[in-house]
Amino acid sequence: MVREELPPRVKTALAHAAGGASWQEAADLIGIRPATLRKYARETRGIEFVDSLIREQLTVANSTLVAATPRLAQELIEIALNHQNKAYSRIQAIQQVFAIVQSSVIEGEQRRQLLEIRRQLQALEDGSVEMRAIDV
């Protein structure tokens, strides 16, 4: 059974609702009742459409944050090193820098461990048994 695509106008209204508009505002945009729009939103195709919008918005937001990371890191360092700032501000900035560095080290080690696990699983699947302990 082929599922019907959401009407383009309903997609527009759902996008507005997902973007923060009220059900009334979003429904008024395309001339339907809010209850009808909510019905579309509860259907599988409506849920999938709204989920895809949210994933897309999160991807854009994440890209924006990642692009700003070098400037934010520099700002954090400047706060931590500037003796004109209050001690509590400097301490908080220093703690945050150490937390970021620690998190990066841990994530790097976890990636290394996962890679080793994948290698060993592949060796098992290929039949070349080179089993050795994985340091975790």
N, C-alpha and C. Protein backbone atom coordinates (compact mmCIF):
# COMPACT_ATOMS: atom_id res chain seq x y z
N MET A 1 0.84 -1.19 0.00
CA MET A 1 0.00 0.00 0.00
C MET A 1 0.89 1.25 0.00
N VAL A 2 0.71 2.09 -1.01
CA VAL A 2 1.49 3.32 -1.14
C VAL A 2 0.81 4.43 -0.36
N ARG A 3 1.58 5.05 0.51
CA ARG A 3 1.03 6.14 1.30
C ARG A 3 1.00 7.42 0.48
N GLU A 4 -0.08 8.14 0.61
CA GLU A 4 -0.22 9.41 -0.10
C GLU A 4 0.67 10.46 0.54
N GLU A 5 1.24 11.30 -0.28
CA GLU A 5 2.08 12.40 0.18
C GLU A 5 1.18 13.47 0.82
N LEU A 6 1.71 14.17 1.80
CA LEU A 6 0.96 15.29 2.39
C LEU A 6 0.77 16.38 1.34
N PRO A 7 -0.38 17.02 1.33
CA PRO A 7 -0.57 18.14 0.40
C PRO A 7 0.45 19.25 0.69
N PRO A 8 0.95 19.91 -0.34
CA PRO A 8 1.97 20.95 -0.13
C PRO A 8 1.52 22.05 0.85
N ARG A 9 0.25 22.42 0.79
CA ARG A 9 -0.24 23.48 1.70
C ARG A 9 -0.20 23.00 3.15
N VAL A 10 -0.50 21.72 3.37
CA VAL A 10 -0.45 21.17 4.73
C VAL A 10 1.00 21.15 5.21
N LYS A 11 1.91 20.80 4.31
CA LYS A 11 3.33 20.84 4.68
C LYS A 11 3.74 22.24 5.12
N THR A 12 3.26 23.24 4.38
CA THR A 12 3.57 24.63 4.72
C THR A 12 3.07 24.97 6.11
N ALA A 13 1.82 24.58 6.40
CA ALA A 13 1.23 24.88 7.71
C ALA A 13 1.96 24.12 8.82
N LEU A 14 2.27 22.85 8.57
CA LEU A 14 3.00 22.07 9.58
C LEU A 14 4.39 22.66 9.84
N ALA A 15 5.02 23.16 8.79
CA ALA A 15 6.33 23.80 8.95
C ALA A 15 6.22 25.04 9.83
N HIS A 16 5.15 25.80 9.64
CA HIS A 16 4.95 26.98 10.49
C HIS A 16 4.70 26.57 11.94
N ALA A 17 3.89 25.53 12.14
CA ALA A 17 3.62 25.05 13.49
C ALA A 17 4.91 24.54 14.14
N ALA A 18 5.71 23.79 13.38
CA ALA A 18 6.98 23.28 13.90
C ALA A 18 7.95 24.41 14.20
N GLY A 19 7.79 25.53 13.49
CA GLY A 19 8.66 26.68 13.70
C GLY A 19 8.23 27.59 14.82
N GLY A 20 7.12 27.23 15.50
CA GLY A 20 6.72 28.01 16.67
C GLY A 20 5.37 28.70 16.56
N ALA A 21 4.75 28.65 15.37
CA ALA A 21 3.43 29.26 15.23
C ALA A 21 2.40 28.42 15.97
N SER A 22 1.34 29.06 16.42
CA SER A 22 0.27 28.30 17.08
C SER A 22 -0.47 27.49 16.02
N TRP A 23 -1.23 26.47 16.49
CA TRP A 23 -2.02 25.67 15.55
C TRP A 23 -2.99 26.59 14.80
N GLN A 24 -3.55 27.55 15.50
CA GLN A 24 -4.51 28.48 14.88
C GLN A 24 -3.82 29.29 13.79
N GLU A 25 -2.67 29.86 14.09
CA GLU A 25 -1.95 30.66 13.10
C GLU A 25 -1.56 29.83 11.89
N ALA A 26 -1.05 28.64 12.13
CA ALA A 26 -0.61 27.77 11.03
C ALA A 26 -1.79 27.34 10.18
N ALA A 27 -2.91 27.01 10.81
CA ALA A 27 -4.10 26.58 10.07
C ALA A 27 -4.69 27.75 9.28
N ASP A 28 -4.73 28.93 9.88
CA ASP A 28 -5.26 30.12 9.19
C ASP A 28 -4.46 30.43 7.92
N LEU A 29 -3.18 30.12 7.97
CA LEU A 29 -2.30 30.38 6.83
C LEU A 29 -2.80 29.69 5.56
N ILE A 30 -3.38 28.49 5.71
CA ILE A 30 -3.85 27.76 4.53
C ILE A 30 -5.36 27.59 4.50
N GLY A 31 -6.04 28.23 5.45
CA GLY A 31 -7.51 28.23 5.41
C GLY A 31 -8.17 26.94 5.87
N ILE A 32 -7.59 26.25 6.85
CA ILE A 32 -8.24 25.07 7.41
C ILE A 32 -8.39 25.25 8.92
N ARG A 33 -9.13 24.36 9.55
CA ARG A 33 -9.32 24.41 10.99
C ARG A 33 -8.08 23.85 11.70
N PRO A 34 -7.77 24.36 12.88
CA PRO A 34 -6.64 23.83 13.64
C PRO A 34 -6.78 22.33 13.92
N ALA A 35 -8.00 21.87 14.18
CA ALA A 35 -8.22 20.45 14.46
C ALA A 35 -7.83 19.60 13.25
N THR A 36 -8.10 20.09 12.05
CA THR A 36 -7.74 19.36 10.83
C THR A 36 -6.22 19.30 10.69
N LEU A 37 -5.56 20.41 10.97
CA LEU A 37 -4.10 20.44 10.89
C LEU A 37 -3.49 19.49 11.92
N ARG A 38 -4.04 19.48 13.13
CA ARG A 38 -3.53 18.57 14.16
C ARG A 38 -3.75 17.11 13.75
N LYS A 39 -4.84 16.84 13.04
CA LYS A 39 -5.10 15.48 12.55
C LYS A 39 -3.99 15.05 11.59
N TYR A 40 -3.63 15.95 10.69
CA TYR A 40 -2.51 15.65 9.77
C TYR A 40 -1.22 15.43 10.56
N ALA A 41 -1.02 16.23 11.59
CA ALA A 41 0.23 16.14 12.37
C ALA A 41 0.33 14.81 13.12
N ARG A 42 -0.80 14.20 13.46
CA ARG A 42 -0.79 12.93 14.20
C ARG A 42 -0.65 11.73 13.29
N GLU A 43 -0.88 11.90 11.99
CA GLU A 43 -0.71 10.80 11.04
C GLU A 43 0.77 10.48 10.88
N THR A 44 1.08 9.27 10.51
CA THR A 44 2.47 8.85 10.33
C THR A 44 3.20 9.78 9.36
N ARG A 45 2.57 10.10 8.25
CA ARG A 45 3.23 10.96 7.26
C ARG A 45 3.46 12.36 7.82
N GLY A 46 2.54 12.85 8.67
CA GLY A 46 2.73 14.15 9.31
C GLY A 46 3.85 14.12 10.33
N ILE A 47 3.90 13.04 11.12
CA ILE A 47 4.96 12.88 12.12
C ILE A 47 6.31 12.82 11.43
N GLU A 48 6.40 12.03 10.36
CA GLU A 48 7.66 11.90 9.63
C GLU A 48 8.09 13.23 9.02
N PHE A 49 7.13 14.00 8.49
CA PHE A 49 7.45 15.29 7.88
C PHE A 49 7.98 16.25 8.94
N VAL A 50 7.29 16.35 10.08
CA VAL A 50 7.73 17.27 11.14
C VAL A 50 9.08 16.81 11.70
N ASP A 51 9.27 15.50 11.87
CA ASP A 51 10.56 14.99 12.33
C ASP A 51 11.68 15.38 11.37
N SER A 52 11.43 15.28 10.07
CA SER A 52 12.46 15.65 9.09
C SER A 52 12.77 17.14 9.17
N LEU A 53 11.74 17.96 9.40
CA LEU A 53 11.98 19.40 9.56
C LEU A 53 12.85 19.67 10.79
N ILE A 54 12.53 19.00 11.88
CA ILE A 54 13.29 19.21 13.11
C ILE A 54 14.74 18.75 12.93
N ARG A 55 14.94 17.60 12.30
CA ARG A 55 16.31 17.12 12.04
C ARG A 55 17.08 18.13 11.18
N GLU A 56 16.41 18.66 10.18
CA GLU A 56 17.05 19.65 9.30
C GLU A 56 17.42 20.90 10.07
N GLN A 57 16.50 21.38 10.92
CA GLN A 57 16.78 22.58 11.72
C GLN A 57 17.93 22.33 12.69
N LEU A 58 17.98 21.14 13.29
CA LEU A 58 19.07 20.81 14.20
C LEU A 58 20.40 20.73 13.47
N THR A 59 20.39 20.20 12.25
CA THR A 59 21.61 20.13 11.46
C THR A 59 22.14 21.52 11.16
N VAL A 60 21.25 22.43 10.78
CA VAL A 60 21.65 23.81 10.49
C VAL A 60 22.19 24.47 11.75
N ALA A 61 21.48 24.30 12.87
CA ALA A 61 21.93 24.90 14.13
C ALA A 61 23.28 24.35 14.55
N ASN A 62 23.45 23.03 14.42
CA ASN A 62 24.71 22.41 14.79
C ASN A 62 25.85 22.92 13.91
N SER A 63 25.60 23.06 12.62
CA SER A 63 26.63 23.58 11.71
C SER A 63 27.03 25.00 12.09
N THR A 64 26.06 25.80 12.48
CA THR A 64 26.33 27.17 12.89
C THR A 64 27.21 27.18 14.14
N LEU A 65 26.87 26.33 15.11
CA LEU A 65 27.67 26.26 16.33
C LEU A 65 29.08 25.76 16.06
N VAL A 66 29.21 24.75 15.23
CA VAL A 66 30.54 24.21 14.91
C VAL A 66 31.39 25.27 14.21
N ALA A 67 30.78 26.04 13.32
CA ALA A 67 31.52 27.09 12.61
C ALA A 67 32.02 28.16 13.58
N ALA A 68 31.27 28.41 14.64
CA ALA A 68 31.65 29.44 15.61
C ALA A 68 32.60 28.93 16.69
N THR A 69 32.83 27.63 16.74
CA THR A 69 33.62 27.03 17.82
C THR A 69 35.00 27.66 17.99
N PRO A 70 35.79 27.86 16.94
CA PRO A 70 37.11 28.48 17.16
C PRO A 70 37.02 29.86 17.81
N ARG A 71 36.06 30.68 17.38
CA ARG A 71 35.91 32.01 17.98
C ARG A 71 35.46 31.91 19.44
N LEU A 72 34.55 30.98 19.70
CA LEU A 72 34.07 30.79 21.08
C LEU A 72 35.18 30.29 21.99
N ALA A 73 35.99 29.37 21.48
CA ALA A 73 37.11 28.85 22.27
C ALA A 73 38.10 29.98 22.59
N GLN A 74 38.38 30.81 21.60
CA GLN A 74 39.30 31.93 21.82
C GLN A 74 38.74 32.89 22.86
N GLU A 75 37.45 33.16 22.79
CA GLU A 75 36.80 34.05 23.76
C GLU A 75 36.89 33.47 25.17
N LEU A 76 36.66 32.16 25.28
CA LEU A 76 36.74 31.49 26.58
C LEU A 76 38.16 31.59 27.15
N ILE A 77 39.14 31.40 26.30
CA ILE A 77 40.54 31.51 26.74
C ILE A 77 40.85 32.94 27.19
N GLU A 78 40.37 33.91 26.43
CA GLU A 78 40.62 35.31 26.79
C GLU A 78 39.98 35.66 28.13
N ILE A 79 38.79 35.15 28.39
CA ILE A 79 38.14 35.39 29.68
C ILE A 79 38.97 34.78 30.80
N ALA A 80 39.41 33.55 30.59
CA ALA A 80 40.18 32.83 31.61
C ALA A 80 41.51 33.51 31.91
N LEU A 81 42.14 34.10 30.91
CA LEU A 81 43.47 34.67 31.09
C LEU A 81 43.47 36.16 31.43
N ASN A 82 42.35 36.81 31.32
CA ASN A 82 42.28 38.24 31.57
C ASN A 82 42.15 38.50 33.07
N HIS A 83 43.20 39.04 33.67
CA HIS A 83 43.22 39.28 35.11
C HIS A 83 42.31 40.43 35.53
N GLN A 84 41.77 41.16 34.58
CA GLN A 84 40.82 42.22 34.91
C GLN A 84 39.42 41.66 35.16
N ASN A 85 39.18 40.42 34.74
CA ASN A 85 37.89 39.79 35.01
C ASN A 85 37.83 39.33 36.45
N LYS A 86 36.63 39.25 36.98
CA LYS A 86 36.44 38.76 38.34
C LYS A 86 36.97 37.33 38.45
N ALA A 87 37.46 37.00 39.62
CA ALA A 87 38.05 35.67 39.84
C ALA A 87 37.04 34.56 39.55
N TYR A 88 35.79 34.74 39.97
CA TYR A 88 34.81 33.68 39.74
C TYR A 88 34.55 33.46 38.25
N SER A 89 34.61 34.52 37.45
CA SER A 89 34.45 34.40 36.00
C SER A 89 35.61 33.65 35.39
N ARG A 90 36.81 34.00 35.84
CA ARG A 90 38.01 33.33 35.33
C ARG A 90 38.02 31.86 35.71
N ILE A 91 37.67 31.58 36.96
CA ILE A 91 37.65 30.18 37.43
C ILE A 91 36.64 29.37 36.63
N GLN A 92 35.48 29.93 36.42
CA GLN A 92 34.45 29.22 35.65
C GLN A 92 34.93 28.97 34.21
N ALA A 93 35.57 29.95 33.60
CA ALA A 93 36.09 29.78 32.24
C ALA A 93 37.18 28.71 32.22
N ILE A 94 38.06 28.72 33.22
CA ILE A 94 39.14 27.72 33.30
C ILE A 94 38.55 26.32 33.46
N GLN A 95 37.56 26.19 34.34
CA GLN A 95 36.92 24.89 34.54
C GLN A 95 36.27 24.40 33.24
N GLN A 96 35.66 25.30 32.52
CA GLN A 96 35.01 24.92 31.26
C GLN A 96 36.04 24.47 30.23
N VAL A 97 37.16 25.16 30.15
CA VAL A 97 38.22 24.76 29.23
C VAL A 97 38.71 23.36 29.56
N PHE A 98 38.97 23.09 30.84
CA PHE A 98 39.42 21.76 31.24
C PHE A 98 38.36 20.69 30.95
N ALA A 99 37.10 21.02 31.16
CA ALA A 99 36.02 20.06 30.88
C ALA A 99 35.96 19.74 29.39
N ILE A 100 36.13 20.75 28.55
CA ILE A 100 36.12 20.53 27.10
C ILE A 100 37.29 19.66 26.68
N VAL A 101 38.47 19.96 27.21
CA VAL A 101 39.66 19.17 26.86
C VAL A 101 39.49 17.72 27.33
N GLN A 102 39.01 17.53 28.54
CA GLN A 102 38.81 16.18 29.06
C GLN A 102 37.81 15.42 28.21
N SER A 103 36.73 16.07 27.83
CA SER A 103 35.71 15.43 26.99
C SER A 103 36.30 15.03 25.64
N SER A 104 37.13 15.88 25.07
CA SER A 104 37.76 15.57 23.79
C SER A 104 38.69 14.37 23.90
N VAL A 105 39.45 14.30 24.98
CA VAL A 105 40.36 13.18 25.18
C VAL A 105 39.57 11.88 25.33
N ILE A 106 38.52 11.91 26.12
CA ILE A 106 37.69 10.72 26.34
C ILE A 106 37.05 10.27 25.03
N GLU A 107 36.50 11.21 24.28
CA GLU A 107 35.86 10.86 23.01
C GLU A 107 36.87 10.27 22.02
N GLY A 108 38.07 10.81 22.00
CA GLY A 108 39.11 10.27 21.12
C GLY A 108 39.46 8.84 21.50
N GLU A 109 39.57 8.57 22.79
CA GLU A 109 39.88 7.22 23.26
C GLU A 109 38.73 6.27 22.94
N GLN A 110 37.50 6.73 23.09
CA GLN A 110 36.35 5.88 22.76
C GLN A 110 36.32 5.55 21.27
N ARG A 111 36.64 6.53 20.44
CA ARG A 111 36.70 6.28 18.99
C ARG A 111 37.76 5.24 18.67
N ARG A 112 38.92 5.34 19.33
CA ARG A 112 39.99 4.37 19.11
C ARG A 112 39.54 2.96 19.52
N GLN A 113 38.88 2.86 20.66
CA GLN A 113 38.40 1.57 21.14
C GLN A 113 37.35 0.98 20.21
N LEU A 114 36.43 1.83 19.72
CA LEU A 114 35.41 1.35 18.78
C LEU A 114 36.04 0.86 17.49
N LEU A 115 37.05 1.55 17.02
CA LEU A 115 37.75 1.13 15.81
C LEU A 115 38.38 -0.25 16.01
N GLU A 116 38.99 -0.46 17.16
CA GLU A 116 39.61 -1.76 17.46
C GLU A 116 38.55 -2.86 17.55
N ILE A 117 37.42 -2.55 18.15
CA ILE A 117 36.33 -3.54 18.22
C ILE A 117 35.83 -3.87 16.81
N ARG A 118 35.68 -2.86 15.98
CA ARG A 118 35.25 -3.10 14.59
C ARG A 118 36.26 -3.98 13.84
N ARG A 119 37.55 -3.72 14.05
CA ARG A 119 38.59 -4.53 13.39
C ARG A 119 38.49 -5.98 13.83
N GLN A 120 38.30 -6.19 15.11
CA GLN A 120 38.22 -7.57 15.61
C GLN A 120 36.94 -8.25 15.12
N LEU A 121 35.83 -7.54 15.08
CA LEU A 121 34.60 -8.11 14.55
C LEU A 121 34.77 -8.49 13.08
N GLN A 122 35.42 -7.62 12.33
CA GLN A 122 35.65 -7.91 10.92
C GLN A 122 36.54 -9.14 10.76
N ALA A 123 37.55 -9.25 11.61
CA ALA A 123 38.44 -10.42 11.57
C ALA A 123 37.66 -11.69 11.88
N LEU A 124 36.76 -11.62 12.84
CA LEU A 124 35.91 -12.78 13.16
C LEU A 124 35.02 -13.15 11.99
N GLU A 125 34.42 -12.15 11.37
CA GLU A 125 33.53 -12.40 10.23
C GLU A 125 34.31 -12.96 9.04
N ASP A 126 35.54 -12.50 8.86
CA ASP A 126 36.36 -12.97 7.75
C ASP A 126 36.99 -14.34 8.02
N GLY A 127 36.90 -14.80 9.27
CA GLY A 127 37.47 -16.08 9.63
C GLY A 127 38.92 -16.04 10.02
N SER A 128 39.54 -14.89 9.95
CA SER A 128 40.94 -14.79 10.38
C SER A 128 40.94 -14.42 11.86
N VAL A 129 41.14 -15.40 12.67
CA VAL A 129 41.03 -15.21 14.11
C VAL A 129 42.31 -14.62 14.66
N GLU A 130 42.27 -13.36 14.97
CA GLU A 130 43.40 -12.70 15.60
C GLU A 130 42.92 -12.05 16.90
N MET A 131 42.25 -12.85 17.70
CA MET A 131 41.65 -12.35 18.92
C MET A 131 42.73 -11.92 19.90
N ARG A 132 42.53 -10.73 20.45
CA ARG A 132 43.37 -10.24 21.51
C ARG A 132 42.51 -9.34 22.38
N ALA A 133 42.95 -9.13 23.58
CA ALA A 133 42.17 -8.33 24.53
C ALA A 133 42.10 -6.89 24.04
N ILE A 134 40.95 -6.29 24.25
CA ILE A 134 40.77 -4.88 23.92
C ILE A 134 40.88 -4.08 25.20
N ASP A 135 41.78 -3.14 25.20
CA ASP A 135 41.99 -2.30 26.38
C ASP A 135 40.86 -1.29 26.48
N VAL A 136 40.02 -1.43 27.50
CA VAL A 136 38.92 -0.48 27.71
C VAL A 136 38.99 0.18 29.05
